[in-house]
C-alpha atoms as a PDB file:
ATOM      1  CA  UNK A   1     -26.366  -9.636   5.153  1.00  0.00           C
ATOM      2  CA  UNK A   2     -25.617 -11.801   8.046  1.00  0.00           C
ATOM      3  CA  UNK A   3     -28.257 -13.740   9.838  1.00  0.00           C
ATOM      4  CA  UNK A   4     -28.609 -12.256  13.376  1.00  0.00           C
ATOM      5  CA  UNK A   5     -29.570 -15.621  14.725  1.00  0.00           C
ATOM      6  CA  UNK A   6     -26.357 -17.162  13.557  1.00  0.00           C
ATOM      7  CA  UNK A   7     -23.404 -16.553  15.915  1.00  0.00           C
ATOM      8  CA  UNK A   8     -20.291 -15.253  14.413  1.00  0.00           C
ATOM      9  CA  UNK A   9     -17.612 -17.927  14.507  1.00  0.00           C
ATOM     10  CA  UNK A  10     -15.011 -15.304  15.352  1.00  0.00           C
ATOM     11  CA  UNK A  11     -16.971 -14.174  18.408  1.00  0.00           C
ATOM     12  CA  UNK A  12     -17.434 -17.681  19.817  1.00  0.00           C
ATOM     13  CA  UNK A  13     -14.866 -18.374  22.639  1.00  0.00           C
ATOM     14  CA  UNK A  14     -12.866 -21.529  22.276  1.00  0.00           C
ATOM     15  CA  UNK A  15     -13.389 -23.980  25.113  1.00  0.00           C
ATOM     16  CA  UNK A  16     -10.558 -24.102  27.692  1.00  0.00           C
ATOM     17  CA  UNK A  17      -8.366 -27.109  27.502  1.00  0.00           C
ATOM     18  CA  UNK A  18      -8.158 -28.927  30.888  1.00  0.00           C
ATOM     19  CA  UNK A  19      -4.679 -29.365  32.396  1.00  0.00           C
ATOM     20  CA  UNK A  20      -2.892 -32.409  31.300  1.00  0.00           C
ATOM     21  CA  UNK A  21      -3.067 -35.249  33.805  1.00  0.00           C
ATOM     22  CA  UNK A  22      -0.754 -38.134  33.964  1.00  0.00           C
ATOM     23  CA  UNK A  23      -2.127 -41.248  32.553  1.00  0.00           C
ATOM     24  CA  UNK A  24      -2.960 -43.902  35.113  1.00  0.00           C
ATOM     25  CA  UNK A  25      -0.312 -46.165  33.755  1.00  0.00           C
ATOM     26  CA  UNK A  26       2.299 -43.406  34.331  1.00  0.00           C
ATOM     27  CA  UNK A  27       1.617 -43.095  38.194  1.00  0.00           C
ATOM     28  CA  UNK A  28       4.473 -44.475  40.357  1.00  0.00           C
ATOM     29  CA  UNK A  29       3.580 -47.742  42.054  1.00  0.00           C
ATOM     30  CA  UNK A  30       4.612 -47.171  45.712  1.00  0.00           C
ATOM     31  CA  UNK A  31       3.969 -50.801  46.616  1.00  0.00           C
ATOM     32  CA  UNK A  32       6.199 -52.134  43.921  1.00  0.00           C
ATOM     33  CA  UNK A  33       9.246 -54.097  45.202  1.00  0.00           C
ATOM     34  CA  UNK A  34      11.601 -51.635  43.539  1.00  0.00           C
ATOM     35  CA  UNK A  35      10.033 -48.676  45.366  1.00  0.00           C
ATOM     36  CA  UNK A  36      10.228 -50.444  48.745  1.00  0.00           C
ATOM     37  CA  UNK A  37      13.795 -51.415  48.061  1.00  0.00           C
ATOM     38  CA  UNK A  38      14.710 -47.823  47.229  1.00  0.00           C
ATOM     39  CA  UNK A  39      12.855 -46.424  50.274  1.00  0.00           C
ATOM     40  CA  UNK A  40      14.729 -48.713  52.643  1.00  0.00           C
ATOM     41  CA  UNK A  41      17.951 -48.801  50.731  1.00  0.00           C
ATOM     42  CA  UNK A  42      19.973 -47.768  53.798  1.00  0.00           C
ATOM     43  CA  UNK A  43      18.549 -50.617  55.801  1.00  0.00           C
ATOM     44  CA  UNK A  44      18.886 -53.294  53.173  1.00  0.00           C
ATOM     45  CA  UNK A  45      22.412 -52.529  52.052  1.00  0.00           C
ATOM     46  CA  UNK A  46      23.884 -55.014  54.510  1.00  0.00           C
ATOM     47  CA  UNK A  47      23.822 -57.964  52.206  1.00  0.00           C
ATOM     48  CA  UNK A  48      21.580 -60.855  51.283  1.00  0.00           C
ATOM     49  CA  UNK A  49      18.372 -61.552  53.145  1.00  0.00           C
ATOM     50  CA  UNK A  50      19.991 -64.268  55.237  1.00  0.00           C
ATOM     51  CA  UNK A  51      22.674 -61.855  56.465  1.00  0.00           C
ATOM     52  CA  UNK A  52      20.163 -59.165  57.305  1.00  0.00           C
ATOM     53  CA  UNK A  53      18.022 -61.632  59.205  1.00  0.00           C
ATOM     54  CA  UNK A  54      21.015 -62.859  61.186  1.00  0.00           C
ATOM     55  CA  UNK A  55      22.031 -59.276  62.013  1.00  0.00           C
ATOM     56  CA  UNK A  56      18.517 -58.435  63.178  1.00  0.00           C
ATOM     57  CA  UNK A  57      18.363 -61.558  65.315  1.00  0.00           C
ATOM     58  CA  UNK A  58      21.719 -60.700  66.896  1.00  0.00           C
ATOM     59  CA  UNK A  59      20.521 -57.160  67.615  1.00  0.00           C
ATOM     60  CA  UNK A  60      17.289 -58.473  69.168  1.00  0.00           C
ATOM     61  CA  UNK A  61      19.261 -60.931  71.302  1.00  0.00           C
ATOM     62  CA  UNK A  62      21.592 -58.133  72.430  1.00  0.00           C
ATOM     63  CA  UNK A  63      18.693 -55.841  73.383  1.00  0.00           C
ATOM     64  CA  UNK A  64      16.956 -58.677  75.194  1.00  0.00           C
ATOM     65  CA  UNK A  65      20.139 -59.419  77.155  1.00  0.00           C
ATOM     66  CA  UNK A  66      20.534 -55.750  78.097  1.00  0.00           C
ATOM     67  CA  UNK A  67      16.892 -55.574  79.186  1.00  0.00           C
ATOM     68  CA  UNK A  68      17.189 -58.692  81.336  1.00  0.00           C
ATOM     69  CA  UNK A  69      20.373 -57.381  82.934  1.00  0.00           C
ATOM     70  CA  UNK A  70      18.736 -54.043  83.703  1.00  0.00           C
ATOM     71  CA  UNK A  71      15.727 -55.794  85.237  1.00  0.00           C
ATOM     72  CA  UNK A  72      17.991 -58.049  87.313  1.00  0.00           C
ATOM     73  CA  UNK A  73      19.986 -55.062  88.590  1.00  0.00           C
ATOM     74  CA  UNK A  74      16.796 -53.216  89.488  1.00  0.00           C
ATOM     75  CA  UNK A  75      15.475 -56.266  91.356  1.00  0.00           C
ATOM     76  CA  UNK A  76      18.771 -56.688  93.238  1.00  0.00           C
ATOM     77  CA  UNK A  77      18.744 -53.009  94.194  1.00  0.00           C
ATOM     78  CA  UNK A  78      15.162 -53.332  95.437  1.00  0.00           C
ATOM     79  CA  UNK A  79      16.043 -56.387  97.543  1.00  0.00           C
ATOM     80  CA  UNK A  80      19.127 -54.711  99.010  1.00  0.00           C
ATOM     81  CA  UNK A  81      17.086 -51.643  99.930  1.00  0.00           C
ATOM     82  CA  UNK A  82      14.407 -53.819 101.528  1.00  0.00           C
ATOM     83  CA  UNK A  83      17.034 -55.768 103.504  1.00  0.00           C
ATOM     84  CA  UNK A  84      18.648 -52.527 104.664  1.00  0.00           C
ATOM     85  CA  UNK A  85      15.267 -51.222 105.833  1.00  0.00           C
ATOM     86  CA  UNK A  86      14.517 -54.440 107.715  1.00  0.00           C
ATOM     87  CA  UNK A  87      17.929 -54.485 109.405  1.00  0.00           C
ATOM     88  CA  UNK A  88      17.622 -50.819 110.318  1.00  0.00           C
ATOM     89  CA  UNK A  89      14.251 -51.494 111.947  1.00  0.00           C
ATOM     90  CA  UNK A  90      15.506 -54.668 113.677  1.00  0.00           C
ATOM     91  CA  UNK A  91      18.957 -53.589 114.810  1.00  0.00           C
ATOM     92  CA  UNK A  92      18.772 -49.802 114.736  1.00  0.00           C
ATOM     93  CA  UNK A  93      18.749 -49.604 118.542  1.00  0.00           C
ATOM     94  CA  UNK A  94      22.104 -51.406 118.954  1.00  0.00           C
ATOM     95  CA  UNK A  95      24.166 -48.227 119.658  1.00  0.00           C
ATOM     96  CA  UNK A  96      21.680 -47.052 122.294  1.00  0.00           C
ATOM     97  CA  UNK A  97      21.555 -50.482 123.957  1.00  0.00           C
ATOM     98  CA  UNK A  98      25.362 -50.643 124.070  1.00  0.00           C
ATOM     99  CA  UNK A  99      25.392 -47.331 125.900  1.00  0.00           C
ATOM    100  CA  UNK A 100      22.773 -48.583 128.375  1.00  0.00           C
ATOM    101  CA  UNK A 101      24.729 -51.753 129.202  1.00  0.00           C
ATOM    102  CA  UNK A 102      27.098 -49.713 131.347  1.00  0.00           C
ATOM    103  CA  UNK A 103      24.104 -48.378 133.290  1.00  0.00           C
ATOM    104  CA  UNK A 104      22.849 -51.935 133.857  1.00  0.00           C
ATOM    105  CA  UNK A 105      26.301 -53.046 135.035  1.00  0.00           C
ATOM    106  CA  UNK A 106      26.560 -50.164 137.491  1.00  0.00           C
ATOM    107  CA  UNK A 107      23.128 -50.940 138.935  1.00  0.00           C
ATOM    108  CA  UNK A 108      24.201 -54.560 139.438  1.00  0.00           C
ATOM    109  CA  UNK A 109      27.403 -53.454 141.181  1.00  0.00           C
ATOM    110  CA  UNK A 110      25.479 -51.026 143.386  1.00  0.00           C
ATOM    111  CA  UNK A 111      23.106 -53.775 144.509  1.00  0.00           C
ATOM    112  CA  UNK A 112      25.999 -56.132 145.197  1.00  0.00           C
ATOM    113  CA  UNK A 113      27.792 -53.510 147.318  1.00  0.00           C
ATOM    114  CA  UNK A 114      24.744 -52.177 149.183  1.00  0.00           C
ATOM    115  CA  UNK A 115      24.118 -53.705 152.636  1.00  0.00           C
ATOM    116  CA  UNK A 116      20.994 -55.776 152.950  1.00  0.00           C
ATOM    117  CA  UNK A 117      19.045 -53.886 155.592  1.00  0.00           C
ATOM    118  CA  UNK A 118      15.330 -54.013 156.215  1.00  0.00           C
ATOM    119  CA  UNK A 119      15.012 -50.480 157.561  1.00  0.00           C
ATOM    120  CA  UNK A 120      16.664 -47.088 157.349  1.00  0.00           C
ATOM    121  CA  UNK A 121      18.021 -44.935 154.521  1.00  0.00           C
ATOM    122  CA  UNK A 122      20.236 -47.734 153.174  1.00  0.00           C
ATOM    123  CA  UNK A 123      17.208 -50.003 152.759  1.00  0.00           C
ATOM    124  CA  UNK A 124      15.296 -47.263 150.899  1.00  0.00           C
ATOM    125  CA  UNK A 125      18.287 -46.613 148.665  1.00  0.00           C
ATOM    126  CA  UNK A 126      18.652 -50.304 147.890  1.00  0.00           C
ATOM    127  CA  UNK A 127      14.955 -50.576 147.096  1.00  0.00           C
ATOM    128  CA  UNK A 128      15.210 -47.608 144.712  1.00  0.00           C
ATOM    129  CA  UNK A 129      18.219 -49.090 142.916  1.00  0.00           C
ATOM    130  CA  UNK A 130      16.478 -52.448 142.652  1.00  0.00           C
ATOM    131  CA  UNK A 131      13.363 -50.813 141.213  1.00  0.00           C
ATOM    132  CA  UNK A 132      15.458 -48.964 138.625  1.00  0.00           C
ATOM    133  CA  UNK A 133      17.217 -52.197 137.659  1.00  0.00           C
ATOM    134  CA  UNK A 134      13.904 -53.988 137.193  1.00  0.00           C
ATOM    135  CA  UNK A 135      12.512 -51.191 135.016  1.00  0.00           C
ATOM    136  CA  UNK A 136      15.602 -51.285 132.822  1.00  0.00           C
ATOM    137  CA  UNK A 137      15.324 -55.067 132.547  1.00  0.00           C
ATOM    138  CA  UNK A 138      11.672 -54.724 131.479  1.00  0.00           C
ATOM    139  CA  UNK A 139      12.652 -52.195 128.820  1.00  0.00           C
ATOM    140  CA  UNK A 140      15.325 -54.585 127.523  1.00  0.00           C
ATOM    141  CA  UNK A 141      12.842 -57.452 127.439  1.00  0.00           C
ATOM    142  CA  UNK A 142      10.263 -55.325 125.609  1.00  0.00           C
ATOM    143  CA  UNK A 143      12.760 -54.584 122.850  1.00  0.00           C
ATOM    144  CA  UNK A 144      13.946 -58.213 122.562  1.00  0.00           C
ATOM    145  CA  UNK A 145      17.214 -57.733 124.432  1.00  0.00           C
ATOM    146  CA  UNK A 146      18.218 -61.030 126.076  1.00  0.00           C
ATOM    147  CA  UNK A 147      20.560 -61.240 129.055  1.00  0.00           C
ATOM    148  CA  UNK A 148      23.181 -64.006 129.046  1.00  0.00           C
ATOM    149  CA  UNK A 149      24.241 -65.538 132.384  1.00  0.00           C
ATOM    150  CA  UNK A 150      25.591 -68.929 131.303  1.00  0.00           C
ATOM    151  CA  UNK A 151      26.514 -70.493 134.658  1.00  0.00           C
ATOM    152  CA  UNK A 152      27.014 -74.252 134.135  1.00  0.00           C
ATOM    153  CA  UNK A 153      26.721 -74.020 130.343  1.00  0.00           C
ATOM    154  CA  UNK A 154      29.357 -75.364 127.988  1.00  0.00           C
ATOM    155  CA  UNK A 155      31.743 -72.634 126.858  1.00  0.00           C
ATOM    156  CA  UNK A 156      30.557 -71.124 123.558  1.00  0.00           C
ATOM    157  CA  UNK A 157      33.266 -68.976 121.940  1.00  0.00           C
ATOM    158  CA  UNK A 158      30.606 -67.210 119.865  1.00  0.00           C
ATOM    159  CA  UNK A 159      28.793 -65.957 122.994  1.00  0.00           C
ATOM    160  CA  UNK A 160      31.264 -66.227 125.855  1.00  0.00           C
ATOM    161  CA  UNK A 161      34.621 -64.552 126.464  1.00  0.00           C
ATOM    162  CA  UNK A 162      36.786 -66.746 128.699  1.00  0.00           C
ATOM    163  CA  UNK A 163      38.982 -64.648 131.002  1.00  0.00           C
ATOM    164  CA  UNK A 164      40.476 -67.330 133.260  1.00  0.00           C
ATOM    165  CA  UNK A 165      40.222 -70.951 134.344  1.00  0.00           C
ATOM    166  CA  UNK A 166      39.354 -72.175 137.807  1.00  0.00           C
ATOM    167  CA  UNK A 167      38.778 -75.526 139.486  1.00  0.00           C
ATOM    168  CA  UNK A 168      35.223 -76.300 140.468  1.00  0.00           C
ATOM    169  CA  UNK A 169      33.894 -79.287 142.323  1.00  0.00           C
ATOM    170  CA  UNK A 170      30.435 -79.456 140.747  1.00  0.00           C
ATOM    171  CA  UNK A 171      30.914 -77.986 137.244  1.00  0.00           C
ATOM    172  CA  UNK A 172      32.733 -80.146 134.698  1.00  0.00           C
ATOM    173  CA  UNK A 173      35.749 -78.925 132.799  1.00  0.00           C
ATOM    174  CA  UNK A 174      35.059 -76.709 129.799  1.00  0.00           C
ATOM    175  CA  UNK A 175      31.891 -75.270 131.322  1.00  0.00           C
ATOM    176  CA  UNK A 176      31.239 -71.794 132.704  1.00  0.00           C
ATOM    177  CA  UNK A 177      31.931 -71.668 136.422  1.00  0.00           C
ATOM    178  CA  UNK A 178      31.650 -67.915 137.054  1.00  0.00           C
ATOM    179  CA  UNK A 179      30.132 -64.924 135.256  1.00  0.00           C
ATOM    180  CA  UNK A 180      31.972 -61.663 135.792  1.00  0.00           C
ATOM    181  CA  UNK A 181      29.879 -59.634 133.372  1.00  0.00           C
ATOM    182  CA  UNK A 182      26.613 -60.687 131.755  1.00  0.00           C
ATOM    183  CA  UNK A 183      26.308 -60.802 127.980  1.00  0.00           C
ATOM    184  CA  UNK A 184      23.464 -59.475 125.865  1.00  0.00           C
ATOM    185  CA  UNK A 185      21.714 -60.386 122.621  1.00  0.00           C
ATOM    186  CA  UNK A 186      19.404 -58.273 120.470  1.00  0.00           C
ATOM    187  CA  UNK A 187      17.169 -60.712 118.602  1.00  0.00           C
ATOM    188  CA  UNK A 188      19.818 -63.086 117.212  1.00  0.00           C
ATOM    189  CA  UNK A 189      22.742 -60.628 117.139  1.00  0.00           C
ATOM    190  CA  UNK A 190      25.344 -60.601 119.893  1.00  0.00           C
ATOM    191  CA  UNK A 191      25.784 -57.154 121.423  1.00  0.00           C
ATOM    192  CA  UNK A 192      28.289 -58.125 124.100  1.00  0.00           C
ATOM    193  CA  UNK A 193      29.722 -61.530 125.020  1.00  0.00           C
ATOM    194  CA  UNK A 194      29.463 -62.751 128.587  1.00  0.00           C
ATOM    195  CA  UNK A 195      32.819 -62.490 130.352  1.00  0.00           C
ATOM    196  CA  UNK A 196      33.279 -65.714 132.234  1.00  0.00           C
ATOM    197  CA  UNK A 197      35.620 -68.007 134.151  1.00  0.00           C
ATOM    198  CA  UNK A 198      35.851 -71.572 132.883  1.00  0.00           C
ATOM    199  CA  UNK A 199      35.935 -74.647 135.079  1.00  0.00           C
ATOM    200  CA  UNK A 200      38.861 -77.067 134.886  1.00  0.00           C
ATOM    201  CA  UNK A 201      36.978 -79.678 136.884  1.00  0.00           C
ATOM    202  CA  UNK A 202      37.665 -80.753 140.489  1.00  0.00           C
ATOM    203  CA  UNK A 203      40.990 -79.718 141.956  1.00  0.00           C
ATOM    204  CA  UNK A 204      43.722 -82.350 142.108  1.00  0.00           C
ATOM    205  CA  UNK A 205      43.319 -84.484 145.231  1.00  0.00           C
ATOM    206  CA  UNK A 206      39.814 -83.204 145.963  1.00  0.00           C
ATOM    207  CA  UNK A 207      37.090 -85.686 146.710  1.00  0.00           C
ATOM    208  CA  UNK A 208      34.490 -86.045 143.947  1.00  0.00           C
ATOM    209  CA  UNK A 209      31.258 -84.200 144.461  1.00  0.00           C
ATOM    210  CA  UNK A 210      28.520 -86.346 146.017  1.00  0.00           C
ATOM    211  CA  UNK A 211      25.909 -87.591 143.612  1.00  0.00           C
ATOM    212  CA  UNK A 212      22.331 -86.559 144.075  1.00  0.00           C
ATOM    213  CA  UNK A 213      19.962 -89.307 145.188  1.00  0.00           C
ATOM    214  CA  UNK A 214      18.518 -91.180 142.237  1.00  0.00           C
ATOM    215  CA  UNK A 215      21.033 -89.748 139.767  1.00  0.00           C
ATOM    216  CA  UNK A 216      22.468 -93.217 139.000  1.00  0.00           C
ATOM    217  CA  UNK A 217      20.268 -96.067 137.802  1.00  0.00           C
ATOM    218  CA  UNK A 218      21.279 -99.660 138.502  1.00  0.00           C
ATOM    219  CA  UNK A 219      21.165-101.379 135.107  1.00  0.00           C
ATOM    220  CA  UNK A 220      22.162-104.793 136.496  1.00  0.00           C
ATOM    221  CA  UNK A 221      18.859-105.360 138.276  1.00  0.00           C
END
């Protein structure tokens, strides 16, 4: 008879065998030089270390040059845009002022042709024209428009347009003797040159102009 306390060896379940695990010494070493070399094989196929380093340095230098060029172009574009904005603000009114110069000229001609009377309709008309001319002159002055009337000044080809020559007793040769049409400047830019007649000096055979008292100093005293 079998002992009931004794388990039957046939009925005892065999313990499960755990899954096989790789031994520690069989795990791949990802930090090993061979593994790194294989992982970056495409990068390091270019040759020895010295060649790779030179190629990387050349690539860095090329990228740096491209970056500096892009920054320089952006800075130049910014400066050009800023200059364009400043010039537009400073000289944007040039077309309008050119159109108004004809109005100023006509007012000057009207005043020159109007009779100088103290009473009557003609006097009121002259006063109205004169008032309009003054208001236009104030508007020009407010917006930095300068009127050029260079009587007695030396001829400047950058600001004056010489139309003819004429003898003049008091104005030396090469200087402006008559202004036919005033010139105008906006800030430092010429809008219209002054149209002038240039003196050739005293006429041949004319007596020299008298000197003003005190204009000559006796240096022999």
